[in-house]
């Protein structure tokens, strides 16, 4: 034991201990004071660059508040908040991935998620659903349905019964009770009108028009024109090389 430290003043003892005390370091041996200063500098730098602490982590994991007979329940957790109010029955749930709101007896349900949004309103019955691949809107008792998808759009209106469908290859429109149907495709167009029964078809190679109950059919093709009239039964055929006219009941067929 070094007894010289006991006889020297306190300041000299501290200086002697500083010079004799060393700590291992990747770059060699250094004094404990320099090692402490380096550690403090690194700690300060890490504190400056670290993200802010998340809210709620400094509180207990859950807080529950219950008030009766009105029945109010409040639950707070780091990942969710639940609020329940009765007898009006209001439920609110907040989570990082979803929000659910329920209101009764009016029955309003709202759900929010990263991939979908659902809204339900009753007794009026309004349903709204939003997803990355589809949108659905339903309104009752008027019965309006709207569906949007990457490949199709469907719109339904009742009691007037209007249906609209849009797809990359076709468009269909239906109107009732007048019964109007319109279909659009890259290769054809079809229009149907009822109860008068009018059908119009357009294709790259032909045009067909049908009128009922008079029963008139008109067909146009690059090489021929056909006209049919009933109940008189008149048929007119026109081709580049021939013309045929058929008229009944007279049964006259000149060529």
Protein backbone atom coordinates (compact mmCIF):
# COMPACT_ATOMS: atom_id res chain seq x y z
CA UNK A 1 0.00 0.00 0.00
CA UNK A 2 1.27 3.47 -0.88
CA UNK A 3 1.36 5.43 2.41
CA UNK A 4 2.52 8.60 0.65
CA UNK A 5 -1.12 9.31 -0.31
CA UNK A 6 -2.11 9.48 3.36
CA UNK A 7 0.53 12.12 4.15
CA UNK A 8 -0.08 14.34 1.05
CA UNK A 9 -2.82 17.00 0.87
CA UNK A 10 -6.27 16.09 -0.57
CA UNK A 11 -5.71 17.89 -3.87
CA UNK A 12 -2.47 16.04 -4.50
CA UNK A 13 -4.15 12.73 -3.67
CA UNK A 14 -6.90 13.35 -6.30
CA UNK A 15 -4.32 14.29 -8.95
CA UNK A 16 -2.31 11.16 -8.19
CA UNK A 17 -5.43 8.95 -8.45
CA UNK A 18 -6.37 10.56 -11.78
CA UNK A 19 -2.95 9.85 -13.22
CA UNK A 20 -2.93 6.23 -12.02
CA UNK A 21 -6.56 5.33 -13.00
CA UNK A 22 -7.06 4.28 -16.64
CA UNK A 23 -9.82 2.54 -18.61
CA UNK A 24 -9.55 0.30 -21.64
CA UNK A 25 -10.48 1.99 -24.93
CA UNK A 26 -10.51 0.71 -28.57
CA UNK A 27 -7.84 3.29 -29.42
CA UNK A 28 -5.60 2.48 -26.48
CA UNK A 29 -5.55 3.45 -22.78
CA UNK A 30 -6.92 6.80 -21.70
CA UNK A 31 -7.80 8.57 -18.47
CA UNK A 32 -11.17 8.01 -16.84
CA UNK A 33 -12.04 11.70 -17.14
CA UNK A 34 -11.55 11.70 -20.93
CA UNK A 35 -13.54 8.45 -21.17
CA UNK A 36 -16.38 9.99 -19.15
CA UNK A 37 -16.43 13.11 -21.32
CA UNK A 38 -16.52 10.98 -24.49
CA UNK A 39 -19.42 8.90 -23.13
CA UNK A 40 -21.36 12.04 -22.16
CA UNK A 41 -20.86 13.50 -25.64
CA UNK A 42 -22.14 10.32 -27.29
CA UNK A 43 -25.15 10.16 -25.01
CA UNK A 44 -26.04 13.78 -25.79
CA UNK A 45 -25.77 13.11 -29.53
CA UNK A 46 -28.03 10.06 -29.29
CA UNK A 47 -30.63 12.01 -27.33
CA UNK A 48 -30.63 14.72 -30.00
CA UNK A 49 -31.19 12.25 -32.87
CA UNK A 50 -33.59 9.84 -31.15
CA UNK A 51 -37.35 10.16 -31.98
CA UNK A 52 -39.68 11.84 -29.55
CA UNK A 53 -41.32 9.49 -27.08
CA UNK A 54 -44.78 8.28 -28.06
CA UNK A 55 -47.68 9.85 -26.19
CA UNK A 56 -49.30 7.63 -23.65
CA UNK A 57 -46.19 5.67 -22.74
CA UNK A 58 -45.67 7.82 -19.67
CA UNK A 59 -49.13 6.91 -18.32
CA UNK A 60 -50.37 3.56 -17.04
CA UNK A 61 -51.31 0.93 -19.59
CA UNK A 62 -55.03 1.53 -19.11
CA UNK A 63 -57.42 3.99 -17.50
CA UNK A 64 -61.01 2.92 -16.87
CA UNK A 65 -63.70 5.40 -15.79
CA UNK A 66 -67.17 4.08 -14.99
CA UNK A 67 -70.12 6.29 -14.00
CA UNK A 68 -73.43 4.65 -13.04
CA UNK A 69 -76.48 4.64 -13.24
CA UNK A 70 -75.87 6.65 -16.41
CA UNK A 71 -73.35 3.98 -17.43
CA UNK A 72 -70.42 5.94 -18.86
CA UNK A 73 -67.33 3.82 -19.48
CA UNK A 74 -64.07 5.37 -20.68
CA UNK A 75 -61.06 3.15 -21.34
CA UNK A 76 -57.69 4.58 -22.33
CA UNK A 77 -54.89 2.32 -23.48
CA UNK A 78 -51.76 3.08 -25.46
CA UNK A 79 -53.28 1.34 -28.49
CA UNK A 80 -57.00 2.05 -28.11
CA UNK A 81 -59.62 4.43 -26.68
CA UNK A 82 -63.10 3.09 -25.94
CA UNK A 83 -65.97 5.39 -24.90
CA UNK A 84 -69.41 3.93 -24.12
CA UNK A 85 -72.44 6.06 -23.21
CA UNK A 86 -75.71 4.41 -22.21
CA UNK A 87 -78.77 4.30 -22.36
CA UNK A 88 -78.22 6.29 -25.56
CA UNK A 89 -75.64 3.65 -26.51
CA UNK A 90 -72.76 5.62 -28.02
CA UNK A 91 -69.61 3.58 -28.56
CA UNK A 92 -66.40 5.18 -29.83
CA UNK A 93 -63.32 3.04 -30.42
CA UNK A 94 -60.02 4.50 -31.56
CA UNK A 95 -57.17 2.24 -32.59
CA UNK A 96 -54.12 2.83 -34.74
CA UNK A 97 -55.68 0.73 -37.51
CA UNK A 98 -59.40 1.45 -37.11
CA UNK A 99 -62.01 3.91 -35.81
CA UNK A 100 -65.46 2.57 -34.91
CA UNK A 101 -68.36 4.86 -33.95
CA UNK A 102 -71.77 3.38 -33.08
CA UNK A 103 -74.82 5.52 -32.24
CA UNK A 104 -78.09 3.88 -31.17
CA UNK A 105 -81.14 3.75 -31.34
CA UNK A 106 -80.55 5.75 -34.53
CA UNK A 107 -78.00 3.08 -35.46
CA UNK A 108 -75.11 5.01 -36.99
CA UNK A 109 -71.98 2.93 -37.52
CA UNK A 110 -68.76 4.48 -38.82
CA UNK A 111 -65.69 2.29 -39.36
CA UNK A 112 -62.40 3.70 -40.61
CA UNK A 113 -59.56 1.40 -41.52
CA UNK A 114 -56.53 1.86 -43.73
CA UNK A 115 -58.11 -0.40 -46.35
CA UNK A 116 -61.83 0.37 -45.97
CA UNK A 117 -64.40 2.93 -44.79
CA UNK A 118 -67.86 1.69 -43.80
CA UNK A 119 -70.71 4.09 -42.91
CA UNK A 120 -74.15 2.71 -41.98
CA UNK A 121 -77.13 4.94 -41.17
CA UNK A 122 -80.43 3.39 -40.07
CA UNK A 123 -83.47 3.35 -40.21
CA UNK A 124 -82.84 5.33 -43.39
CA UNK A 125 -80.37 2.58 -44.33
CA UNK A 126 -77.41 4.39 -45.89
CA UNK A 127 -74.36 2.20 -46.40
CA UNK A 128 -71.09 3.61 -47.72
CA UNK A 129 -68.11 1.30 -48.22
CA UNK A 130 -64.77 2.56 -49.52
CA UNK A 131 -62.03 0.10 -50.35
CA UNK A 132 -59.01 0.35 -52.61
CA UNK A 133 -60.73 -1.90 -55.14
CA UNK A 134 -64.40 -0.92 -54.76
CA UNK A 135 -66.84 1.78 -53.61
CA UNK A 136 -70.37 0.72 -52.60
CA UNK A 137 -73.10 3.25 -51.73
CA UNK A 138 -76.60 2.03 -50.79
CA UNK A 139 -79.50 4.40 -50.01
CA UNK A 140 -82.86 2.99 -48.87
CA UNK A 141 -85.91 3.07 -49.00
CA UNK A 142 -85.18 4.95 -52.23
CA UNK A 143 -82.80 2.10 -53.07
CA UNK A 144 -79.81 3.76 -54.72
CA UNK A 145 -76.83 1.45 -55.17
CA UNK A 146 -73.50 2.72 -56.51
CA UNK A 147 -70.61 0.31 -56.98
CA UNK A 148 -67.22 1.45 -58.26
CA UNK A 149 -64.53 -1.06 -59.07
CA UNK A 150 -61.46 -0.84 -61.26
CA UNK A 151 -63.23 -2.99 -63.88
CA UNK A 152 -66.87 -1.91 -63.52
CA UNK A 153 -69.27 0.82 -62.36
CA UNK A 154 -72.81 -0.16 -61.37
CA UNK A 155 -75.51 2.42 -60.51
CA UNK A 156 -79.01 1.26 -59.53
CA UNK A 157 -81.89 3.67 -58.82
CA UNK A 158 -85.24 2.32 -57.60
CA UNK A 159 -88.30 2.40 -57.71
CA UNK A 160 -87.60 4.04 -61.07
CA UNK A 161 -85.20 1.17 -61.74
CA UNK A 162 -82.24 2.78 -63.49
CA UNK A 163 -79.22 0.52 -63.86
CA UNK A 164 -75.93 1.79 -65.27
CA UNK A 165 -73.01 -0.59 -65.71
CA UNK A 166 -69.64 0.56 -67.00
CA UNK A 167 -66.95 -1.95 -67.85
CA UNK A 168 -63.84 -1.68 -69.97
CA UNK A 169 -65.58 -3.71 -72.70
CA UNK A 170 -69.23 -2.67 -72.34
CA UNK A 171 -71.68 -0.02 -71.11
CA UNK A 172 -75.19 -1.11 -70.11
CA UNK A 173 -77.97 1.37 -69.24
CA UNK A 174 -81.42 0.10 -68.20
CA UNK A 175 -84.39 2.40 -67.54
CA UNK A 176 -87.66 0.96 -66.20
CA UNK A 177 -90.72 0.88 -66.27
CA UNK A 178 -90.17 2.35 -69.74
CA UNK A 179 -87.59 -0.39 -70.29
CA UNK A 180 -84.76 1.32 -72.17
CA UNK A 181 -81.62 -0.77 -72.49
CA UNK A 182 -78.43 0.65 -74.00
CA UNK A 183 -75.39 -1.56 -74.44
CA UNK A 184 -72.10 -0.24 -75.76
CA UNK A 185 -69.28 -2.58 -76.65
CA UNK A 186 -66.19 -2.09 -78.76
CA UNK A 187 -67.80 -4.17 -81.52
CA UNK A 188 -71.51 -3.37 -81.15
CA UNK A 189 -74.13 -0.91 -79.89
CA UNK A 190 -77.54 -2.25 -78.83
CA UNK A 191 -80.49 0.02 -77.93
CA UNK A 192 -83.80 -1.49 -76.78
CA UNK A 193 -86.93 0.60 -76.15
CA UNK A 194 -90.05 -1.04 -74.69
CA UNK A 195 -93.10 -1.36 -74.70
CA UNK A 196 -92.73 0.02 -78.23
CA UNK A 197 -89.99 -2.56 -78.76
CA UNK A 198 -87.34 -0.69 -80.73
CA UNK A 199 -84.03 -2.48 -81.06
CA UNK A 200 -81.00 -0.84 -82.67
CA UNK A 201 -77.80 -2.81 -83.13
CA UNK A 202 -74.65 -1.25 -84.56
CA UNK A 203 -71.69 -3.40 -85.47
CA UNK A 204 -68.66 -2.70 -87.63
CA UNK A 205 -70.14 -4.91 -90.37
CA UNK A 206 -73.91 -4.42 -89.93
CA UNK A 207 -76.71 -2.19 -88.64
CA UNK A 208 -79.95 -3.81 -87.43
CA UNK A 209 -83.08 -1.79 -86.54
CA UNK A 210 -86.20 -3.57 -85.25
CA UNK A 211 -89.51 -1.78 -84.61
CA UNK A 212 -92.41 -3.67 -83.00
CA UNK A 213 -95.44 -4.27 -82.89
CA UNK A 214 -95.30 -3.04 -86.49
CA UNK A 215 -92.39 -5.43 -87.02
CA UNK A 216 -89.99 -3.40 -89.13
CA UNK A 217 -86.51 -4.83 -89.49
CA UNK A 218 -83.73 -2.95 -91.27
CA UNK A 219 -80.36 -4.59 -91.80
CA UNK A 220 -77.42 -2.79 -93.37
CA UNK A 221 -74.26 -4.61 -94.32
CA UNK A 222 -71.40 -3.65 -96.57
CA UNK A 223 -72.73 -6.02 -99.25
CA UNK A 224 -76.51 -5.95 -98.65
CA UNK A 225 -79.49 -3.96 -97.38
CA UNK A 226 -82.47 -5.89 -95.98
CA UNK A 227 -85.78 -4.21 -95.05
CA UNK A 228 -88.64 -6.31 -93.61
CA UNK A 229 -92.11 -4.87 -92.98
CA UNK A 230 -94.76 -6.97 -91.22
CA UNK A 231 -97.73 -7.81 -91.08
CA UNK A 232 -97.71 -6.69 -94.73
CA UNK A 233 -94.64 -8.86 -95.24
CA UNK A 234 -92.58 -6.63 -97.49
CA UNK A 235 -88.97 -7.67 -97.93
CA UNK A 236 -86.49 -5.57 -99.84
CA UNK A 237 -83.07 -7.03 -100.54
CA UNK A 238 -80.39 -4.93 -102.20
CA UNK A 239 -77.08 -6.40 -103.16
CA UNK A 240 -74.50 -5.17 -105.62
CA UNK A 241 -75.74 -7.68 -108.23
CA UNK A 242 -79.46 -8.16 -107.46
CA UNK A 243 -82.61 -6.44 -106.15
CA UNK A 244 -85.47 -8.59 -104.78
CA UNK A 245 -88.81 -7.15 -103.68
CA UNK A 246 -91.31 -9.46 -101.94
CA UNK A 247 -94.76 -8.11 -101.12
CA UNK A 248 -97.44 -10.27 -99.58
CA UNK A 249 -100.45 -10.94 -99.65
CA UNK A 250 -100.13 -9.81 -103.29
CA UNK A 251 -97.32 -12.32 -103.76
CA UNK A 252 -95.51 -10.29 -106.44
CA UNK A 253 -91.86 -11.14 -106.95
CA UNK A 254 -90.24 -9.37 -109.91
CA UNK A 255 -86.51 -9.79 -110.37
